[in-house]
Amino acid sequence: MTNYIYDDARIYDILFGEPISQKDFEFYSTLINPYGEPILELACETGRITIPLAQNNFKIHGLDNSLAMINQAKEKAKKTLVSIQWHLEDMRNFF
């Protein structure tokens, strides 16, 4: 059975693609600061968290196992002129 939410990244973005809030950004920043960079976001989907972090000068990589999600994330990142390395991988096998 097909799960269109994840197969069509445009639908995913309509449902869940709102940018992170300032409160969420502060939460993620707090998690990152003790460990440093670079950051690897697993299941980055369409870059909802990845892109704002990169826009705030965090060095970050995004990993997802969906080509549709990675392609949508790349398109969104292009519009913001941020540099993010995207990885099409299954996180269970990524090391």
Protein backbone atom coordinates (compact mmCIF):
# COMPACT_ATOMS: atom_id res chain seq x y z
CA MET A 1 0.00 0.00 0.00
CA THR A 2 1.27 3.45 -0.88
CA ASN A 3 1.57 6.15 1.76
CA TYR A 4 1.07 9.35 -0.23
CA ILE A 5 2.08 11.60 2.63
CA TYR A 6 5.63 10.31 2.29
CA ASP A 7 5.60 9.44 -1.41
CA ASP A 8 4.58 12.94 -2.47
CA ALA A 9 6.66 15.51 -0.63
CA ARG A 10 4.35 18.31 -1.75
CA ILE A 11 1.48 16.74 0.18
CA TYR A 12 3.77 16.28 3.16
CA ASP A 13 4.71 19.97 3.07
CA ILE A 14 1.06 21.03 2.87
CA LEU A 15 0.26 18.97 5.97
CA PHE A 16 3.45 19.29 8.02
CA GLY A 17 5.77 21.74 6.28
CA GLU A 18 5.34 24.79 8.46
CA PRO A 19 8.73 26.26 9.38
CA ILE A 20 9.85 25.67 12.94
CA SER A 21 8.92 28.28 15.50
CA GLN A 22 11.44 30.40 17.38
CA LYS A 23 10.77 28.25 20.45
CA ASP A 24 11.52 25.07 18.46
CA PHE A 25 14.66 26.66 17.01
CA GLU A 26 15.88 27.49 20.51
CA PHE A 27 15.15 23.92 21.61
CA TYR A 28 17.21 22.42 18.78
CA SER A 29 20.01 24.95 19.33
CA THR A 30 20.15 23.97 22.99
CA LEU A 31 20.54 20.31 22.00
CA ILE A 32 23.26 21.11 19.47
CA ASN A 33 25.44 23.46 21.50
CA PRO A 34 26.89 20.90 23.97
CA TYR A 35 27.94 18.56 21.16
CA GLY A 36 28.99 20.93 18.40
CA GLU A 37 28.89 20.55 14.67
CA PRO A 38 28.45 19.15 12.11
CA ILE A 39 24.91 18.02 12.76
CA LEU A 40 23.23 15.02 11.16
CA GLU A 41 19.45 15.21 11.06
CA LEU A 42 18.00 11.74 10.58
CA ALA A 43 14.63 11.57 8.79
CA CYS A 44 15.03 15.18 7.68
CA GLU A 45 12.05 14.88 5.35
CA THR A 46 11.69 18.12 3.35
CA GLY A 47 14.11 20.14 5.46
CA ARG A 48 11.62 21.73 7.86
CA ILE A 49 14.23 21.72 10.63
CA THR A 50 17.41 21.29 8.57
CA ILE A 51 17.03 24.43 6.46
CA PRO A 52 16.32 26.91 9.28
CA LEU A 53 19.32 25.58 11.21
CA ALA A 54 21.52 26.03 8.14
CA GLN A 55 20.13 29.54 7.67
CA ASN A 56 21.40 30.29 11.16
CA ASN A 57 24.92 29.16 10.29
CA PHE A 58 24.80 25.65 11.68
CA LYS A 59 26.75 23.13 9.59
CA ILE A 60 24.17 20.40 9.02
CA HIS A 61 23.57 17.31 6.92
CA GLY A 62 20.11 15.94 6.17
CA LEU A 63 19.42 12.22 5.75
CA ASP A 64 16.21 10.60 4.58
CA ASN A 65 15.31 7.37 2.81
CA SER A 66 12.75 9.03 0.53
CA LEU A 67 13.97 10.44 -2.77
CA ALA A 68 10.85 12.62 -2.98
CA MET A 69 11.62 14.16 0.43
CA ILE A 70 15.29 14.77 -0.39
CA ASN A 71 14.43 16.33 -3.75
CA GLN A 72 11.87 18.65 -2.14
CA ALA A 73 14.38 19.60 0.56
CA LYS A 74 17.01 20.39 -2.08
CA GLU A 75 14.58 22.65 -3.96
CA LYS A 76 13.59 24.48 -0.79
CA ALA A 77 17.24 24.88 0.26
CA LYS A 78 18.15 26.28 -3.16
CA LYS A 79 15.69 29.12 -2.64
CA THR A 80 17.36 30.05 0.66
CA LEU A 81 20.92 29.83 -0.70
CA VAL A 82 22.10 27.63 2.17
CA SER A 83 24.67 24.89 1.88
CA ILE A 84 23.44 21.53 3.12
CA GLN A 85 24.69 18.08 2.26
CA TRP A 86 21.76 15.75 1.62
CA HIS A 87 22.02 11.97 1.95
CA LEU A 88 19.56 9.50 0.48
CA GLU A 89 20.07 6.62 2.91
CA ASP A 90 18.30 4.33 5.31
CA MET A 91 19.31 5.47 8.80
CA ARG A 92 19.47 1.85 9.94
CA ASN A 93 22.41 1.29 7.58
CA PHE A 94 24.11 4.68 7.70
CA PHE A 95 27.45 4.76 9.46
